Amino acid sequence: MYYGHYPRLYEIGRTDLIREIWKSYRAVEESGIILPVRLLNAIYHKAAIYDEMLTIRTIIKEIPKVKFKLFSEIYNEKGELINEGEVTLGFIDASTGKPRRAPEEFTKILLERML
């Protein structure tokens, strides 16, 4: 797989995770919040093989404030870790374009899940 495709897998993982624990990304945007990427890091351990099924694991290690850091692990069919990613998003008020705090509802859900 072309190395530039991995950030798309990180996006798929984080979109699914946010939907699973809170709400869809569309609903987040409709509530007036956008989450642009501020930082992206990737570590490539091994190449993915054409037509291989991959597993994306997305991890939140800390409660976000204004920045929202997520970690991704991508595994091949053998269960081998082939890629790690770190993505930092920013909570931005869509109407002003300025940073804002993470919604209290979201941080409360994360706190409950992390206990």
N, C-alpha and C. Protein backbone atom coordinates (compact mmCIF):
# COMPACT_ATOMS: atom_id res chain seq x y z
N MET A 1 0.85 -1.17 0.00
CA MET A 1 0.00 0.00 0.00
C MET A 1 0.90 1.24 0.00
N TYR A 2 0.51 2.22 -0.75
CA TYR A 2 1.23 3.48 -0.83
C TYR A 2 1.23 4.15 0.55
N TYR A 3 2.38 4.63 0.98
CA TYR A 3 2.52 5.17 2.33
C TYR A 3 1.57 6.34 2.62
N GLY A 4 1.21 7.10 1.61
CA GLY A 4 0.33 8.24 1.79
C GLY A 4 -1.11 7.88 2.10
N HIS A 5 -1.48 6.61 1.98
CA HIS A 5 -2.85 6.19 2.27
C HIS A 5 -3.10 5.95 3.76
N TYR A 6 -2.05 5.80 4.54
CA TYR A 6 -2.23 5.52 5.96
C TYR A 6 -3.00 6.61 6.71
N PRO A 7 -2.74 7.90 6.45
CA PRO A 7 -3.55 8.92 7.15
C PRO A 7 -5.05 8.78 6.88
N ARG A 8 -5.43 8.29 5.72
CA ARG A 8 -6.85 8.03 5.43
C ARG A 8 -7.38 6.94 6.37
N LEU A 9 -6.56 5.93 6.64
CA LEU A 9 -6.98 4.88 7.57
C LEU A 9 -7.13 5.44 8.98
N TYR A 10 -6.24 6.37 9.37
CA TYR A 10 -6.38 7.01 10.68
C TYR A 10 -7.73 7.75 10.75
N GLU A 11 -8.07 8.43 9.66
CA GLU A 11 -9.33 9.18 9.61
C GLU A 11 -10.53 8.25 9.72
N ILE A 12 -10.49 7.13 9.02
CA ILE A 12 -11.57 6.15 9.11
C ILE A 12 -11.72 5.67 10.55
N GLY A 13 -10.61 5.35 11.18
CA GLY A 13 -10.64 4.87 12.56
C GLY A 13 -11.20 5.90 13.53
N ARG A 14 -10.74 7.15 13.41
CA ARG A 14 -11.23 8.16 14.36
C ARG A 14 -12.68 8.54 14.10
N THR A 15 -13.10 8.57 12.85
CA THR A 15 -14.49 8.86 12.53
C THR A 15 -15.40 7.79 13.10
N ASP A 16 -15.02 6.53 12.94
CA ASP A 16 -15.81 5.43 13.49
C ASP A 16 -15.84 5.48 15.01
N LEU A 17 -14.71 5.78 15.64
CA LEU A 17 -14.66 5.84 17.09
C LEU A 17 -15.54 6.97 17.63
N ILE A 18 -15.44 8.15 17.05
CA ILE A 18 -16.25 9.28 17.51
C ILE A 18 -17.73 8.96 17.34
N ARG A 19 -18.09 8.33 16.23
CA ARG A 19 -19.50 7.95 16.00
C ARG A 19 -19.95 6.93 17.04
N GLU A 20 -19.10 5.97 17.33
CA GLU A 20 -19.45 4.90 18.28
C GLU A 20 -19.67 5.43 19.69
N ILE A 21 -18.82 6.34 20.14
CA ILE A 21 -18.93 6.78 21.53
C ILE A 21 -19.70 8.07 21.73
N TRP A 22 -19.91 8.85 20.66
CA TRP A 22 -20.56 10.15 20.84
C TRP A 22 -21.61 10.39 19.77
N LYS A 23 -21.20 10.84 18.59
CA LYS A 23 -22.13 11.10 17.50
C LYS A 23 -21.35 11.17 16.19
N SER A 24 -22.08 11.20 15.09
CA SER A 24 -21.43 11.22 13.78
C SER A 24 -20.66 12.52 13.58
N TYR A 25 -19.66 12.46 12.71
CA TYR A 25 -18.89 13.67 12.42
C TYR A 25 -19.79 14.74 11.82
N ARG A 26 -20.76 14.35 11.02
CA ARG A 26 -21.71 15.30 10.45
C ARG A 26 -22.46 16.03 11.58
N ALA A 27 -22.90 15.27 12.59
CA ALA A 27 -23.61 15.88 13.73
C ALA A 27 -22.68 16.81 14.52
N VAL A 28 -21.41 16.44 14.62
CA VAL A 28 -20.44 17.31 15.30
C VAL A 28 -20.35 18.64 14.55
N GLU A 29 -20.21 18.58 13.22
CA GLU A 29 -20.13 19.81 12.42
C GLU A 29 -21.43 20.61 12.49
N GLU A 30 -22.57 19.93 12.48
CA GLU A 30 -23.85 20.63 12.56
C GLU A 30 -24.03 21.32 13.91
N SER A 31 -23.31 20.86 14.93
CA SER A 31 -23.38 21.51 16.24
C SER A 31 -22.44 22.72 16.32
N GLY A 32 -21.73 23.00 15.22
CA GLY A 32 -20.88 24.19 15.16
C GLY A 32 -19.43 23.96 15.51
N ILE A 33 -19.00 22.70 15.47
CA ILE A 33 -17.61 22.37 15.80
C ILE A 33 -16.95 21.71 14.59
N ILE A 34 -15.74 22.15 14.27
CA ILE A 34 -14.95 21.45 13.27
C ILE A 34 -13.67 20.96 13.96
N LEU A 35 -13.10 19.91 13.41
CA LEU A 35 -11.93 19.26 14.01
C LEU A 35 -10.81 19.11 12.99
N PRO A 36 -10.17 20.21 12.61
CA PRO A 36 -9.08 20.08 11.63
C PRO A 36 -7.84 19.43 12.24
N VAL A 37 -7.08 18.77 11.39
CA VAL A 37 -5.82 18.15 11.82
C VAL A 37 -4.78 19.24 12.00
N ARG A 38 -4.09 19.18 13.15
CA ARG A 38 -3.01 20.14 13.44
C ARG A 38 -1.64 19.48 13.32
N LEU A 39 -1.59 18.17 13.58
CA LEU A 39 -0.32 17.47 13.56
C LEU A 39 -0.56 16.02 13.19
N LEU A 40 0.36 15.46 12.40
CA LEU A 40 0.26 14.06 12.00
C LEU A 40 1.65 13.45 12.03
N ASN A 41 1.76 12.32 12.72
CA ASN A 41 3.01 11.56 12.76
C ASN A 41 2.69 10.12 12.39
N ALA A 42 3.60 9.48 11.68
CA ALA A 42 3.40 8.08 11.30
C ALA A 42 4.71 7.33 11.44
N ILE A 43 4.59 6.09 11.91
CA ILE A 43 5.72 5.18 11.99
C ILE A 43 5.37 3.96 11.15
N TYR A 44 6.18 3.69 10.16
CA TYR A 44 5.95 2.57 9.24
C TYR A 44 6.84 1.39 9.65
N HIS A 45 6.21 0.31 10.08
CA HIS A 45 6.95 -0.87 10.52
C HIS A 45 7.10 -1.90 9.41
N LYS A 46 6.04 -2.06 8.64
CA LYS A 46 6.00 -3.13 7.63
C LYS A 46 4.96 -2.74 6.59
N ALA A 47 5.15 -3.16 5.36
CA ALA A 47 4.21 -2.82 4.29
C ALA A 47 2.94 -3.66 4.37
N ALA A 48 1.83 -3.04 4.03
CA ALA A 48 0.58 -3.78 3.84
C ALA A 48 0.62 -4.40 2.45
N ILE A 49 0.10 -5.59 2.33
CA ILE A 49 0.10 -6.32 1.07
C ILE A 49 -1.23 -6.08 0.35
N TYR A 50 -1.16 -6.00 -0.97
CA TYR A 50 -2.36 -5.80 -1.78
C TYR A 50 -3.45 -6.79 -1.40
N ASP A 51 -4.65 -6.30 -1.23
CA ASP A 51 -5.85 -7.09 -0.96
C ASP A 51 -5.85 -7.73 0.43
N GLU A 52 -4.99 -7.27 1.31
CA GLU A 52 -4.92 -7.79 2.67
C GLU A 52 -5.92 -7.03 3.54
N MET A 53 -6.63 -7.76 4.40
CA MET A 53 -7.56 -7.13 5.33
C MET A 53 -6.75 -6.52 6.48
N LEU A 54 -7.02 -5.26 6.79
CA LEU A 54 -6.31 -4.56 7.85
C LEU A 54 -7.26 -4.24 8.99
N THR A 55 -6.72 -4.17 10.18
CA THR A 55 -7.48 -3.78 11.36
C THR A 55 -6.92 -2.45 11.85
N ILE A 56 -7.82 -1.49 12.07
CA ILE A 56 -7.44 -0.17 12.57
C ILE A 56 -7.90 -0.08 14.02
N ARG A 57 -6.97 0.21 14.89
CA ARG A 57 -7.29 0.41 16.31
C ARG A 57 -7.01 1.87 16.64
N THR A 58 -8.02 2.58 17.12
CA THR A 58 -7.88 4.00 17.45
C THR A 58 -7.98 4.15 18.97
N ILE A 59 -7.05 4.87 19.54
CA ILE A 59 -6.93 4.96 20.99
C ILE A 59 -6.91 6.42 21.43
N ILE A 60 -7.70 6.72 22.47
CA ILE A 60 -7.66 8.02 23.13
C ILE A 60 -7.02 7.78 24.49
N LYS A 61 -5.88 8.40 24.74
CA LYS A 61 -5.14 8.16 25.99
C LYS A 61 -5.38 9.23 27.05
N GLU A 62 -5.89 10.39 26.61
CA GLU A 62 -6.11 11.48 27.56
C GLU A 62 -7.35 12.27 27.18
N ILE A 63 -7.95 12.89 28.18
CA ILE A 63 -9.15 13.69 27.95
C ILE A 63 -8.74 14.97 27.22
N PRO A 64 -9.37 15.25 26.08
CA PRO A 64 -8.98 16.45 25.33
C PRO A 64 -9.48 17.73 26.00
N LYS A 65 -8.73 18.78 25.76
CA LYS A 65 -9.15 20.11 26.20
C LYS A 65 -9.48 20.91 24.95
N VAL A 66 -8.50 21.57 24.39
CA VAL A 66 -8.67 22.27 23.10
C VAL A 66 -8.09 21.43 21.98
N LYS A 67 -7.02 20.73 22.27
CA LYS A 67 -6.42 19.78 21.33
C LYS A 67 -6.93 18.39 21.64
N PHE A 68 -7.04 17.58 20.61
CA PHE A 68 -7.59 16.23 20.73
C PHE A 68 -6.61 15.28 20.07
N LYS A 69 -5.86 14.52 20.87
CA LYS A 69 -4.83 13.63 20.35
C LYS A 69 -5.36 12.20 20.28
N LEU A 70 -5.21 11.57 19.12
CA LEU A 70 -5.60 10.18 18.92
C LEU A 70 -4.41 9.39 18.40
N PHE A 71 -4.36 8.12 18.80
CA PHE A 71 -3.30 7.23 18.37
C PHE A 71 -3.93 6.10 17.56
N SER A 72 -3.28 5.73 16.47
CA SER A 72 -3.78 4.65 15.62
C SER A 72 -2.75 3.55 15.53
N GLU A 73 -3.25 2.32 15.52
CA GLU A 73 -2.42 1.15 15.27
C GLU A 73 -3.08 0.38 14.14
N ILE A 74 -2.30 0.01 13.15
CA ILE A 74 -2.83 -0.75 12.03
C ILE A 74 -2.14 -2.10 12.00
N TYR A 75 -2.98 -3.14 11.96
CA TYR A 75 -2.50 -4.52 12.00
C TYR A 75 -2.84 -5.23 10.69
N ASN A 76 -1.97 -6.15 10.26
CA ASN A 76 -2.27 -6.96 9.08
C ASN A 76 -3.08 -8.20 9.48
N GLU A 77 -3.36 -9.05 8.53
CA GLU A 77 -4.17 -10.25 8.78
C GLU A 77 -3.52 -11.21 9.77
N LYS A 78 -2.20 -11.16 9.87
CA LYS A 78 -1.48 -12.03 10.81
C LYS A 78 -1.47 -11.46 12.22
N GLY A 79 -2.05 -10.27 12.39
CA GLY A 79 -2.06 -9.63 13.70
C GLY A 79 -0.78 -8.87 14.00
N GLU A 80 0.04 -8.64 12.98
CA GLU A 80 1.29 -7.91 13.16
C GLU A 80 1.04 -6.41 13.06
N LEU A 81 1.64 -5.65 13.96
CA LEU A 81 1.55 -4.19 13.90
C LEU A 81 2.39 -3.71 12.73
N ILE A 82 1.75 -3.07 11.75
CA ILE A 82 2.49 -2.63 10.57
C ILE A 82 2.66 -1.11 10.51
N ASN A 83 1.84 -0.38 11.28
CA ASN A 83 1.90 1.07 11.23
C ASN A 83 1.33 1.66 12.51
N GLU A 84 1.93 2.76 12.95
CA GLU A 84 1.40 3.51 14.09
C GLU A 84 1.27 4.97 13.67
N GLY A 85 0.19 5.59 14.11
CA GLY A 85 -0.02 6.99 13.79
C GLY A 85 -0.46 7.78 15.00
N GLU A 86 -0.12 9.05 14.99
CA GLU A 86 -0.57 9.98 16.02
C GLU A 86 -1.14 11.19 15.29
N VAL A 87 -2.37 11.53 15.60
CA VAL A 87 -3.03 12.66 14.96
C VAL A 87 -3.54 13.59 16.06
N THR A 88 -3.20 14.87 15.94
CA THR A 88 -3.71 15.87 16.87
C THR A 88 -4.69 16.76 16.10
N LEU A 89 -5.91 16.80 16.60
CA LEU A 89 -6.95 17.65 16.03
C LEU A 89 -7.14 18.85 16.95
N GLY A 90 -7.76 19.88 16.42
CA GLY A 90 -8.12 21.04 17.24
C GLY A 90 -9.63 21.21 17.24
N PHE A 91 -10.20 21.49 18.40
CA PHE A 91 -11.62 21.84 18.46
C PHE A 91 -11.73 23.30 18.05
N ILE A 92 -12.45 23.55 16.97
CA ILE A 92 -12.59 24.90 16.43
C ILE A 92 -14.06 25.26 16.34
N ASP A 93 -14.40 26.48 16.78
CA ASP A 93 -15.76 26.99 16.64
C ASP A 93 -15.96 27.34 15.17
N ALA A 94 -16.91 26.68 14.52
CA ALA A 94 -17.12 26.87 13.08
C ALA A 94 -17.53 28.30 12.72
N SER A 95 -18.24 28.98 13.61
CA SER A 95 -18.72 30.33 13.28
C SER A 95 -17.63 31.39 13.41
N THR A 96 -16.66 31.17 14.31
CA THR A 96 -15.62 32.18 14.52
C THR A 96 -14.26 31.76 13.96
N GLY A 97 -14.07 30.43 13.77
CA GLY A 97 -12.78 29.93 13.32
C GLY A 97 -11.74 29.92 14.43
N LYS A 98 -12.17 30.14 15.66
CA LYS A 98 -11.25 30.19 16.79
C LYS A 98 -11.29 28.89 17.60
N PRO A 99 -10.17 28.57 18.24
CA PRO A 99 -10.15 27.38 19.09
C PRO A 99 -11.18 27.49 20.21
N ARG A 100 -11.68 26.34 20.61
CA ARG A 100 -12.64 26.27 21.72
C ARG A 100 -12.35 25.02 22.52
N ARG A 101 -12.92 24.95 23.68
CA ARG A 101 -12.75 23.77 24.53
C ARG A 101 -13.57 22.62 23.97
N ALA A 102 -13.14 21.42 24.29
CA ALA A 102 -13.90 20.22 23.90
C ALA A 102 -15.27 20.29 24.58
N PRO A 103 -16.32 19.85 23.88
CA PRO A 103 -17.65 19.87 24.49
C PRO A 103 -17.69 19.04 25.78
N GLU A 104 -18.33 19.59 26.79
CA GLU A 104 -18.43 18.92 28.09
C GLU A 104 -19.06 17.54 27.96
N GLU A 105 -20.07 17.43 27.11
CA GLU A 105 -20.75 16.14 26.89
C GLU A 105 -19.75 15.08 26.41
N PHE A 106 -18.87 15.47 25.51
CA PHE A 106 -17.88 14.55 24.96
C PHE A 106 -16.85 14.14 26.01
N THR A 107 -16.32 15.12 26.74
CA THR A 107 -15.31 14.80 27.75
C THR A 107 -15.91 13.94 28.87
N LYS A 108 -17.17 14.17 29.19
CA LYS A 108 -17.83 13.36 30.22
C LYS A 108 -17.92 11.89 29.77
N ILE A 109 -18.29 11.68 28.51
CA ILE A 109 -18.36 10.31 27.96
C ILE A 109 -16.99 9.64 28.04
N LEU A 110 -15.95 10.37 27.67
CA LEU A 110 -14.60 9.81 27.71
C LEU A 110 -14.18 9.47 29.13
N LEU A 111 -14.47 10.35 30.06
CA LEU A 111 -14.14 10.08 31.46
C LEU A 111 -14.82 8.81 31.95
N GLU A 112 -16.07 8.63 31.61
CA GLU A 112 -16.81 7.44 32.03
C GLU A 112 -16.21 6.18 31.41
N ARG A 113 -15.78 6.26 30.17
CA ARG A 113 -15.21 5.09 29.49
C ARG A 113 -13.81 4.75 29.98
N MET A 114 -13.09 5.76 30.46
CA MET A 114 -11.71 5.54 30.87
C MET A 114 -11.61 5.05 32.31
N LEU A 115 -12.68 5.15 33.08
CA LEU A 115 -12.64 4.69 34.48
C LEU A 115 -12.70 3.20 34.58
